[in-house]
Amino acid sequence: MAECKERPRAGAPPRLDESKEILLELLNAERARLKVALRIEEERKIVFPETSVIIRDIQKLTTAVYGKDDAGESGGDKNKGNPDFDLGFKMPKLG
């Protein structure tokens, strides 16, 4: 009988006290993971709970790299047109 391997688990949340250069690398890696996760979800017509973890990590990393705007929200207008901020795809509509 074939050995059953457990599904990989999400890693630890990113450490936000790293250098900006490392945080940008992590942010780019998380964006790439999100693209793949969304593509697979669309193809298989399923939702991975891990996708929300990826999205939260992107939000945390974005705030760590770009800070908060005057309204206290992550990102804000200062990220408009910033190629490091753009996910490179449109989020699918839910529902």
N, C-alpha and C. Protein backbone atom coordinates (compact mmCIF):
# COMPACT_ATOMS: atom_id res chain seq x y z
N MET A 1 0.83 -1.18 0.00
CA MET A 1 0.00 0.00 0.00
C MET A 1 0.88 1.24 0.00
N ALA A 2 0.52 2.22 -0.81
CA ALA A 2 1.31 3.44 -0.93
C ALA A 2 1.20 4.29 0.33
N GLU A 3 2.32 4.88 0.69
CA GLU A 3 2.35 5.74 1.87
C GLU A 3 1.62 7.05 1.59
N CYS A 4 0.75 7.45 2.49
CA CYS A 4 -0.01 8.69 2.33
C CYS A 4 0.78 9.85 2.90
N LYS A 5 1.10 10.81 2.07
CA LYS A 5 1.84 11.98 2.53
C LYS A 5 0.85 13.06 2.92
N GLU A 6 1.18 13.75 4.01
CA GLU A 6 0.33 14.87 4.42
C GLU A 6 0.52 16.03 3.48
N ARG A 7 -0.52 16.81 3.37
CA ARG A 7 -0.47 18.02 2.56
C ARG A 7 0.48 19.03 3.18
N PRO A 8 1.27 19.74 2.37
CA PRO A 8 2.16 20.74 2.94
C PRO A 8 1.37 21.81 3.68
N ARG A 9 1.93 22.29 4.76
CA ARG A 9 1.29 23.33 5.54
C ARG A 9 1.93 24.67 5.25
N ALA A 10 1.17 25.72 5.49
CA ALA A 10 1.70 27.06 5.30
C ALA A 10 2.86 27.29 6.26
N GLY A 11 3.85 28.04 5.83
CA GLY A 11 4.99 28.35 6.68
C GLY A 11 4.64 29.38 7.73
N ALA A 12 5.62 29.71 8.51
CA ALA A 12 5.44 30.73 9.55
C ALA A 12 5.20 32.08 8.89
N PRO A 13 4.49 32.98 9.57
CA PRO A 13 4.29 34.32 9.01
C PRO A 13 5.64 35.00 8.78
N PRO A 14 5.70 35.88 7.80
CA PRO A 14 6.98 36.54 7.53
C PRO A 14 7.43 37.42 8.70
N ARG A 15 8.73 37.44 8.95
CA ARG A 15 9.28 38.34 9.96
C ARG A 15 9.34 39.73 9.36
N LEU A 16 8.72 40.67 10.01
CA LEU A 16 8.61 42.02 9.46
C LEU A 16 9.75 42.93 9.89
N ASP A 17 10.72 42.39 10.63
CA ASP A 17 11.85 43.20 11.06
C ASP A 17 13.08 43.00 10.17
N GLU A 18 12.90 42.33 9.04
CA GLU A 18 13.99 42.13 8.08
C GLU A 18 14.22 43.42 7.30
N SER A 19 15.29 43.44 6.51
CA SER A 19 15.58 44.62 5.68
C SER A 19 14.51 44.79 4.62
N LYS A 20 14.37 46.00 4.10
CA LYS A 20 13.36 46.29 3.08
C LYS A 20 13.59 45.41 1.84
N GLU A 21 14.86 45.17 1.51
CA GLU A 21 15.19 44.35 0.34
C GLU A 21 14.64 42.93 0.51
N ILE A 22 14.82 42.35 1.67
CA ILE A 22 14.32 41.00 1.93
C ILE A 22 12.80 40.99 1.96
N LEU A 23 12.20 42.00 2.59
CA LEU A 23 10.73 42.08 2.62
C LEU A 23 10.16 42.17 1.21
N LEU A 24 10.82 42.92 0.32
CA LEU A 24 10.34 43.00 -1.08
C LEU A 24 10.45 41.65 -1.77
N GLU A 25 11.52 40.91 -1.51
CA GLU A 25 11.66 39.57 -2.09
C GLU A 25 10.54 38.66 -1.59
N LEU A 26 10.27 38.72 -0.28
CA LEU A 26 9.19 37.91 0.28
C LEU A 26 7.84 38.32 -0.30
N LEU A 27 7.64 39.62 -0.47
CA LEU A 27 6.39 40.12 -1.04
C LEU A 27 6.21 39.61 -2.46
N ASN A 28 7.27 39.64 -3.25
CA ASN A 28 7.19 39.13 -4.62
C ASN A 28 6.91 37.63 -4.64
N ALA A 29 7.52 36.89 -3.71
CA ALA A 29 7.27 35.44 -3.64
C ALA A 29 5.82 35.16 -3.26
N GLU A 30 5.28 35.91 -2.32
CA GLU A 30 3.89 35.73 -1.91
C GLU A 30 2.94 36.07 -3.05
N ARG A 31 3.25 37.11 -3.81
CA ARG A 31 2.40 37.45 -4.97
C ARG A 31 2.40 36.33 -5.98
N ALA A 32 3.57 35.73 -6.22
CA ALA A 32 3.65 34.61 -7.17
C ALA A 32 2.82 33.43 -6.65
N ARG A 33 2.91 33.16 -5.35
CA ARG A 33 2.11 32.08 -4.75
C ARG A 33 0.62 32.35 -4.90
N LEU A 34 0.23 33.61 -4.72
CA LEU A 34 -1.19 33.96 -4.84
C LEU A 34 -1.68 33.75 -6.27
N LYS A 35 -0.88 34.14 -7.24
CA LYS A 35 -1.27 33.93 -8.64
C LYS A 35 -1.52 32.45 -8.92
N VAL A 36 -0.61 31.60 -8.46
CA VAL A 36 -0.75 30.16 -8.68
C VAL A 36 -1.98 29.62 -7.95
N ALA A 37 -2.15 30.02 -6.70
CA ALA A 37 -3.29 29.54 -5.92
C ALA A 37 -4.61 29.92 -6.58
N LEU A 38 -4.72 31.17 -7.03
CA LEU A 38 -5.96 31.61 -7.67
C LEU A 38 -6.20 30.88 -8.99
N ARG A 39 -5.13 30.62 -9.74
CA ARG A 39 -5.28 29.89 -11.00
C ARG A 39 -5.78 28.48 -10.73
N ILE A 40 -5.18 27.82 -9.75
CA ILE A 40 -5.59 26.46 -9.42
C ILE A 40 -7.02 26.44 -8.89
N GLU A 41 -7.37 27.40 -8.05
CA GLU A 41 -8.73 27.47 -7.53
C GLU A 41 -9.73 27.62 -8.67
N GLU A 42 -9.41 28.46 -9.63
CA GLU A 42 -10.30 28.68 -10.77
C GLU A 42 -10.42 27.41 -11.61
N GLU A 43 -9.28 26.77 -11.89
CA GLU A 43 -9.29 25.56 -12.71
C GLU A 43 -10.08 24.43 -12.06
N ARG A 44 -9.91 24.25 -10.75
CA ARG A 44 -10.51 23.13 -10.04
C ARG A 44 -11.86 23.47 -9.41
N LYS A 45 -12.23 24.74 -9.49
CA LYS A 45 -13.50 25.20 -8.91
C LYS A 45 -13.58 24.87 -7.41
N ILE A 46 -12.46 25.12 -6.71
CA ILE A 46 -12.40 24.91 -5.27
C ILE A 46 -11.76 26.14 -4.63
N VAL A 47 -11.86 26.22 -3.32
CA VAL A 47 -11.23 27.31 -2.59
C VAL A 47 -10.27 26.71 -1.57
N PHE A 48 -9.03 27.16 -1.60
CA PHE A 48 -8.04 26.74 -0.62
C PHE A 48 -8.06 27.70 0.55
N PRO A 49 -8.22 27.23 1.78
CA PRO A 49 -8.14 28.13 2.94
C PRO A 49 -6.79 28.82 3.03
N GLU A 50 -5.74 28.17 2.51
CA GLU A 50 -4.40 28.74 2.56
C GLU A 50 -4.29 30.04 1.76
N THR A 51 -5.18 30.21 0.78
CA THR A 51 -5.13 31.43 -0.03
C THR A 51 -5.34 32.66 0.83
N SER A 52 -6.21 32.58 1.82
CA SER A 52 -6.43 33.73 2.70
C SER A 52 -5.18 34.02 3.54
N VAL A 53 -4.41 32.99 3.86
CA VAL A 53 -3.15 33.19 4.59
C VAL A 53 -2.16 33.93 3.70
N ILE A 54 -2.09 33.56 2.44
CA ILE A 54 -1.21 34.24 1.50
C ILE A 54 -1.60 35.71 1.39
N ILE A 55 -2.90 35.98 1.29
CA ILE A 55 -3.39 37.36 1.16
C ILE A 55 -3.03 38.16 2.41
N ARG A 56 -3.20 37.57 3.59
CA ARG A 56 -2.83 38.29 4.83
C ARG A 56 -1.34 38.57 4.88
N ASP A 57 -0.52 37.61 4.43
CA ASP A 57 0.92 37.84 4.41
C ASP A 57 1.28 38.97 3.45
N ILE A 58 0.60 39.03 2.31
CA ILE A 58 0.83 40.12 1.36
C ILE A 58 0.46 41.45 2.00
N GLN A 59 -0.67 41.49 2.69
CA GLN A 59 -1.08 42.73 3.36
C GLN A 59 -0.06 43.16 4.41
N LYS A 60 0.42 42.22 5.22
CA LYS A 60 1.40 42.54 6.25
C LYS A 60 2.71 43.03 5.65
N LEU A 61 3.17 42.33 4.62
CA LEU A 61 4.43 42.71 3.98
C LEU A 61 4.30 44.07 3.28
N THR A 62 3.17 44.31 2.64
CA THR A 62 2.95 45.59 1.98
C THR A 62 2.99 46.73 2.98
N THR A 63 2.36 46.54 4.13
CA THR A 63 2.38 47.57 5.17
C THR A 63 3.80 47.76 5.70
N ALA A 64 4.53 46.67 5.88
CA ALA A 64 5.90 46.77 6.39
C ALA A 64 6.82 47.49 5.41
N VAL A 65 6.60 47.26 4.11
CA VAL A 65 7.47 47.88 3.10
C VAL A 65 7.06 49.31 2.80
N TYR A 66 5.77 49.54 2.62
CA TYR A 66 5.30 50.85 2.15
C TYR A 66 4.69 51.71 3.25
N GLY A 67 4.47 51.15 4.43
CA GLY A 67 3.91 51.92 5.53
C GLY A 67 2.42 52.11 5.39
N LYS A 68 1.90 53.03 6.19
CA LYS A 68 0.47 53.33 6.17
C LYS A 68 0.26 54.76 5.71
N ASP A 69 -0.89 54.99 5.08
CA ASP A 69 -1.18 56.35 4.64
C ASP A 69 -1.81 57.15 5.78
N ASP A 70 -2.16 58.40 5.53
CA ASP A 70 -2.69 59.27 6.57
C ASP A 70 -3.99 58.75 7.17
N ALA A 71 -4.75 57.98 6.40
CA ALA A 71 -6.02 57.43 6.89
C ALA A 71 -5.78 56.19 7.74
N GLY A 72 -4.50 55.77 7.85
CA GLY A 72 -4.19 54.59 8.65
C GLY A 72 -4.37 53.30 7.89
N GLU A 73 -4.57 53.39 6.57
CA GLU A 73 -4.76 52.20 5.77
C GLU A 73 -3.46 51.83 5.08
N SER A 74 -3.27 50.55 4.90
CA SER A 74 -2.10 50.05 4.21
C SER A 74 -2.11 50.52 2.77
N GLY A 75 -0.95 50.88 2.25
CA GLY A 75 -0.84 51.24 0.84
C GLY A 75 -1.26 52.65 0.57
N GLY A 76 -2.49 52.83 0.18
CA GLY A 76 -2.98 54.16 -0.15
C GLY A 76 -2.52 54.60 -1.52
N ASP A 77 -2.72 55.88 -1.82
CA ASP A 77 -2.40 56.43 -3.13
C ASP A 77 -0.92 56.37 -3.46
N LYS A 78 -0.05 56.35 -2.46
CA LYS A 78 1.38 56.35 -2.74
C LYS A 78 1.82 55.09 -3.47
N ASN A 79 0.99 54.04 -3.50
CA ASN A 79 1.34 52.82 -4.20
C ASN A 79 0.75 52.74 -5.60
N LYS A 80 -0.10 53.71 -5.98
CA LYS A 80 -0.68 53.68 -7.32
C LYS A 80 0.44 53.78 -8.36
N GLY A 81 0.39 52.88 -9.30
CA GLY A 81 1.38 52.89 -10.37
C GLY A 81 2.73 52.31 -9.95
N ASN A 82 2.87 51.89 -8.72
CA ASN A 82 4.12 51.31 -8.26
C ASN A 82 4.20 49.87 -8.74
N PRO A 83 5.19 49.54 -9.60
CA PRO A 83 5.25 48.18 -10.13
C PRO A 83 5.51 47.14 -9.06
N ASP A 84 6.12 47.52 -7.94
CA ASP A 84 6.34 46.57 -6.86
C ASP A 84 5.06 46.26 -6.11
N PHE A 85 4.06 47.13 -6.24
CA PHE A 85 2.81 46.95 -5.51
C PHE A 85 1.76 46.21 -6.34
N ASP A 86 1.79 46.37 -7.65
CA ASP A 86 0.79 45.78 -8.53
C ASP A 86 0.87 44.25 -8.49
N LEU A 87 -0.27 43.59 -8.27
CA LEU A 87 -0.30 42.14 -8.23
C LEU A 87 -0.11 41.54 -9.62
N GLY A 88 -0.33 42.32 -10.66
CA GLY A 88 -0.15 41.82 -12.01
C GLY A 88 -1.36 41.07 -12.55
N PHE A 89 -2.47 41.10 -11.83
CA PHE A 89 -3.69 40.46 -12.29
C PHE A 89 -4.85 41.06 -11.54
N LYS A 90 -6.05 40.83 -12.05
CA LYS A 90 -7.24 41.32 -11.37
C LYS A 90 -7.80 40.22 -10.51
N MET A 91 -8.19 40.59 -9.31
CA MET A 91 -8.80 39.62 -8.41
C MET A 91 -10.16 39.21 -8.99
N PRO A 92 -10.47 37.92 -8.97
CA PRO A 92 -11.77 37.49 -9.48
C PRO A 92 -12.89 37.97 -8.56
N LYS A 93 -14.06 38.21 -9.17
CA LYS A 93 -15.23 38.60 -8.39
C LYS A 93 -15.78 37.37 -7.69
N LEU A 94 -16.16 37.56 -6.46
CA LEU A 94 -16.72 36.44 -5.69
C LEU A 94 -18.24 36.45 -5.82
N GLY A 95 -18.82 35.27 -5.79
CA GLY A 95 -20.27 35.16 -5.76
C GLY A 95 -20.92 34.97 -7.04
